Amino acid sequence: MSENLNKIIQLAWHDKTSFDEIKRKFSISEAEVIKIMRTNLKPGSFRLWRKRVGGRRSKHQKKSEILSNFENQKFLSHEIY
């Protein structure tokens, strides 16, 4: 279990890994990942991580995909009206 725990912490710390991906690999929810991080990180490190990932769309795959699709659409000025 400690090997999985270390892998979960490593993936959660990495900015590019979404909570959805962690859930697919380890069958744990975002809330459980947060609990693991809170338990295993120093308080300052946990606060830093939460501040960094809070609202970050790369940590939420669905949100990231929707916003990326929206940003990739280019509108010409005459198409808006």
N, C-alpha and C. Protein backbone atom coordinates (compact mmCIF):
# COMPACT_ATOMS: atom_id res chain seq x y z
N MET A 1 0.82 -1.21 0.00
CA MET A 1 0.00 0.00 0.00
C MET A 1 0.86 1.26 0.00
N SER A 2 2.00 1.24 0.70
CA SER A 2 2.82 2.44 0.76
C SER A 2 3.39 2.80 -0.61
N GLU A 3 3.61 1.78 -1.46
CA GLU A 3 4.08 2.08 -2.82
C GLU A 3 2.98 2.80 -3.60
N ASN A 4 1.72 2.33 -3.47
CA ASN A 4 0.59 3.01 -4.11
C ASN A 4 0.42 4.41 -3.54
N LEU A 5 0.57 4.53 -2.23
CA LEU A 5 0.43 5.83 -1.57
C LEU A 5 1.45 6.82 -2.12
N ASN A 6 2.68 6.38 -2.25
CA ASN A 6 3.72 7.25 -2.80
C ASN A 6 3.41 7.64 -4.25
N LYS A 7 2.90 6.70 -5.02
CA LYS A 7 2.55 6.97 -6.43
C LYS A 7 1.39 7.97 -6.51
N ILE A 8 0.39 7.80 -5.63
CA ILE A 8 -0.75 8.72 -5.61
C ILE A 8 -0.28 10.13 -5.27
N ILE A 9 0.58 10.25 -4.26
CA ILE A 9 1.10 11.56 -3.86
C ILE A 9 1.90 12.18 -5.00
N GLN A 10 2.71 11.38 -5.65
CA GLN A 10 3.52 11.88 -6.76
C GLN A 10 2.63 12.37 -7.90
N LEU A 11 1.60 11.60 -8.25
CA LEU A 11 0.69 12.00 -9.33
C LEU A 11 -0.11 13.24 -8.95
N ALA A 12 -0.57 13.29 -7.70
CA ALA A 12 -1.36 14.43 -7.25
C ALA A 12 -0.52 15.71 -7.23
N TRP A 13 0.74 15.59 -6.85
CA TRP A 13 1.62 16.76 -6.79
C TRP A 13 1.91 17.31 -8.18
N HIS A 14 1.97 16.42 -9.16
CA HIS A 14 2.27 16.82 -10.54
C HIS A 14 1.09 17.62 -11.11
N ASP A 15 1.37 18.78 -11.64
CA ASP A 15 0.32 19.68 -12.12
C ASP A 15 -0.46 19.15 -13.32
N LYS A 16 0.16 18.32 -14.13
CA LYS A 16 -0.48 17.86 -15.37
C LYS A 16 -1.39 16.65 -15.17
N THR A 17 -1.34 16.01 -14.00
CA THR A 17 -2.15 14.82 -13.76
C THR A 17 -3.49 15.22 -13.17
N SER A 18 -4.58 14.86 -13.84
CA SER A 18 -5.91 15.24 -13.36
C SER A 18 -6.39 14.29 -12.27
N PHE A 19 -7.33 14.76 -11.46
CA PHE A 19 -7.94 13.91 -10.44
C PHE A 19 -8.67 12.73 -11.11
N ASP A 20 -9.21 12.98 -12.29
CA ASP A 20 -9.90 11.91 -13.02
C ASP A 20 -8.94 10.78 -13.39
N GLU A 21 -7.74 11.14 -13.77
CA GLU A 21 -6.73 10.13 -14.13
C GLU A 21 -6.33 9.31 -12.89
N ILE A 22 -6.16 9.98 -11.76
CA ILE A 22 -5.84 9.28 -10.52
C ILE A 22 -6.98 8.34 -10.14
N LYS A 23 -8.20 8.80 -10.34
CA LYS A 23 -9.37 7.96 -10.03
C LYS A 23 -9.39 6.71 -10.91
N ARG A 24 -9.07 6.87 -12.20
CA ARG A 24 -9.04 5.72 -13.10
C ARG A 24 -7.96 4.71 -12.70
N LYS A 25 -6.81 5.20 -12.28
CA LYS A 25 -5.70 4.31 -11.95
C LYS A 25 -5.85 3.63 -10.59
N PHE A 26 -6.40 4.37 -9.61
CA PHE A 26 -6.41 3.86 -8.24
C PHE A 26 -7.80 3.73 -7.62
N SER A 27 -8.84 4.10 -8.34
CA SER A 27 -10.22 4.02 -7.86
C SER A 27 -10.44 4.78 -6.56
N ILE A 28 -9.89 6.00 -6.49
CA ILE A 28 -10.13 6.85 -5.33
C ILE A 28 -10.61 8.22 -5.81
N SER A 29 -11.47 8.83 -5.01
CA SER A 29 -12.07 10.10 -5.39
C SER A 29 -11.13 11.27 -5.13
N GLU A 30 -11.52 12.43 -5.62
CA GLU A 30 -10.74 13.65 -5.37
C GLU A 30 -10.65 13.93 -3.88
N ALA A 31 -11.76 13.73 -3.17
CA ALA A 31 -11.77 13.96 -1.71
C ALA A 31 -10.78 13.03 -1.00
N GLU A 32 -10.69 11.80 -1.47
CA GLU A 32 -9.74 10.85 -0.86
C GLU A 32 -8.29 11.25 -1.17
N VAL A 33 -8.05 11.77 -2.37
CA VAL A 33 -6.71 12.24 -2.72
C VAL A 33 -6.32 13.41 -1.81
N ILE A 34 -7.25 14.31 -1.60
CA ILE A 34 -7.00 15.46 -0.72
C ILE A 34 -6.70 14.99 0.69
N LYS A 35 -7.45 14.00 1.16
CA LYS A 35 -7.23 13.45 2.51
C LYS A 35 -5.84 12.81 2.60
N ILE A 36 -5.44 12.07 1.58
CA ILE A 36 -4.11 11.45 1.55
C ILE A 36 -3.03 12.53 1.58
N MET A 37 -3.22 13.57 0.79
CA MET A 37 -2.23 14.64 0.74
C MET A 37 -2.15 15.36 2.09
N ARG A 38 -3.29 15.61 2.71
CA ARG A 38 -3.32 16.30 4.01
C ARG A 38 -2.60 15.48 5.07
N THR A 39 -2.78 14.16 5.03
CA THR A 39 -2.18 13.27 6.03
C THR A 39 -0.68 13.11 5.85
N ASN A 40 -0.23 13.11 4.61
CA ASN A 40 1.16 12.75 4.33
C ASN A 40 2.10 13.90 4.01
N LEU A 41 1.58 15.10 3.81
CA LEU A 41 2.43 16.25 3.55
C LEU A 41 2.56 17.09 4.82
N LYS A 42 3.62 17.86 4.89
CA LYS A 42 3.74 18.84 5.97
C LYS A 42 2.62 19.87 5.77
N PRO A 43 2.14 20.49 6.86
CA PRO A 43 1.03 21.44 6.72
C PRO A 43 1.29 22.55 5.69
N GLY A 44 2.50 23.10 5.69
CA GLY A 44 2.81 24.15 4.72
C GLY A 44 2.82 23.65 3.29
N SER A 45 3.32 22.44 3.09
CA SER A 45 3.34 21.84 1.75
C SER A 45 1.92 21.55 1.28
N PHE A 46 1.08 21.09 2.20
CA PHE A 46 -0.31 20.82 1.83
C PHE A 46 -1.02 22.11 1.42
N ARG A 47 -0.84 23.18 2.21
CA ARG A 47 -1.48 24.46 1.87
C ARG A 47 -0.98 24.97 0.52
N LEU A 48 0.31 24.85 0.25
CA LEU A 48 0.88 25.25 -1.03
C LEU A 48 0.26 24.45 -2.17
N TRP A 49 0.15 23.14 -1.99
CA TRP A 49 -0.44 22.28 -3.02
C TRP A 49 -1.90 22.65 -3.27
N ARG A 50 -2.67 22.83 -2.19
CA ARG A 50 -4.09 23.17 -2.34
C ARG A 50 -4.27 24.51 -3.05
N LYS A 51 -3.43 25.46 -2.71
CA LYS A 51 -3.51 26.77 -3.35
C LYS A 51 -3.19 26.64 -4.84
N ARG A 52 -2.21 25.80 -5.15
CA ARG A 52 -1.78 25.61 -6.54
C ARG A 52 -2.83 24.88 -7.37
N VAL A 53 -3.46 23.86 -6.81
CA VAL A 53 -4.40 23.07 -7.61
C VAL A 53 -5.84 23.56 -7.50
N GLY A 54 -6.13 24.42 -6.56
CA GLY A 54 -7.49 24.91 -6.38
C GLY A 54 -7.98 25.63 -7.62
N GLY A 55 -9.01 25.10 -8.24
CA GLY A 55 -9.57 25.72 -9.43
C GLY A 55 -8.76 25.54 -10.69
N ARG A 56 -7.65 24.83 -10.60
CA ARG A 56 -6.80 24.61 -11.77
C ARG A 56 -7.50 23.64 -12.71
N ARG A 57 -7.71 24.06 -13.92
CA ARG A 57 -8.46 23.23 -14.83
C ARG A 57 -7.71 21.97 -15.26
N SER A 58 -6.39 21.96 -15.18
CA SER A 58 -5.66 20.75 -15.56
C SER A 58 -5.87 19.63 -14.54
N LYS A 59 -6.29 19.98 -13.34
CA LYS A 59 -6.58 18.96 -12.33
C LYS A 59 -7.99 18.41 -12.50
N HIS A 60 -8.80 19.08 -13.30
CA HIS A 60 -10.16 18.63 -13.57
C HIS A 60 -10.30 18.43 -15.07
N GLN A 61 -10.14 17.21 -15.50
CA GLN A 61 -10.04 16.91 -16.93
C GLN A 61 -11.24 17.41 -17.72
N LYS A 62 -12.44 17.20 -17.23
CA LYS A 62 -13.64 17.60 -17.95
C LYS A 62 -13.65 19.11 -18.15
N LYS A 63 -13.37 19.85 -17.08
CA LYS A 63 -13.33 21.31 -17.15
C LYS A 63 -12.26 21.76 -18.13
N SER A 64 -11.13 21.10 -18.11
CA SER A 64 -10.03 21.44 -18.99
C SER A 64 -10.41 21.25 -20.45
N GLU A 65 -11.08 20.15 -20.75
CA GLU A 65 -11.47 19.85 -22.13
C GLU A 65 -12.47 20.87 -22.65
N ILE A 66 -13.45 21.23 -21.83
CA ILE A 66 -14.48 22.19 -22.24
C ILE A 66 -13.85 23.55 -22.51
N LEU A 67 -13.01 24.04 -21.60
CA LEU A 67 -12.38 25.34 -21.78
C LEU A 67 -11.41 25.35 -22.94
N SER A 68 -10.69 24.26 -23.14
CA SER A 68 -9.76 24.19 -24.27
C SER A 68 -10.50 24.25 -25.59
N ASN A 69 -11.62 23.54 -25.68
CA ASN A 69 -12.42 23.56 -26.90
C ASN A 69 -12.93 24.97 -27.17
N PHE A 70 -13.38 25.65 -26.12
CA PHE A 70 -13.89 27.01 -26.27
C PHE A 70 -12.78 27.95 -26.72
N GLU A 71 -11.61 27.85 -26.10
CA GLU A 71 -10.50 28.74 -26.44
C GLU A 71 -9.96 28.48 -27.83
N ASN A 72 -10.08 27.26 -28.33
CA ASN A 72 -9.55 26.92 -29.65
C ASN A 72 -10.43 27.41 -30.79
N GLN A 73 -11.67 27.76 -30.49
CA GLN A 73 -12.55 28.26 -31.53
C GLN A 73 -12.20 29.72 -31.79
N LYS A 74 -11.99 30.03 -33.03
CA LYS A 74 -11.65 31.41 -33.40
C LYS A 74 -12.81 32.02 -34.14
N PHE A 75 -13.20 33.17 -33.70
CA PHE A 75 -14.31 33.86 -34.33
C PHE A 75 -13.77 35.09 -35.06
N LEU A 76 -14.24 35.26 -36.27
CA LEU A 76 -13.92 36.46 -37.01
C LEU A 76 -14.93 37.53 -36.60
N SER A 77 -14.54 38.78 -36.68
CA SER A 77 -15.42 39.86 -36.21
C SER A 77 -16.76 39.85 -36.94
N HIS A 78 -16.80 39.50 -38.20
CA HIS A 78 -18.08 39.50 -38.92
C HIS A 78 -18.94 38.27 -38.55
N GLU A 79 -18.37 37.24 -37.92
CA GLU A 79 -19.14 36.07 -37.52
C GLU A 79 -19.88 36.31 -36.21
N ILE A 80 -19.47 37.27 -35.43
CA ILE A 80 -20.07 37.51 -34.13
C ILE A 80 -21.45 38.12 -34.28
N TYR A 81 -21.66 38.96 -35.27
CA TYR A 81 -22.94 39.66 -35.41
C TYR A 81 -23.89 38.92 -36.24
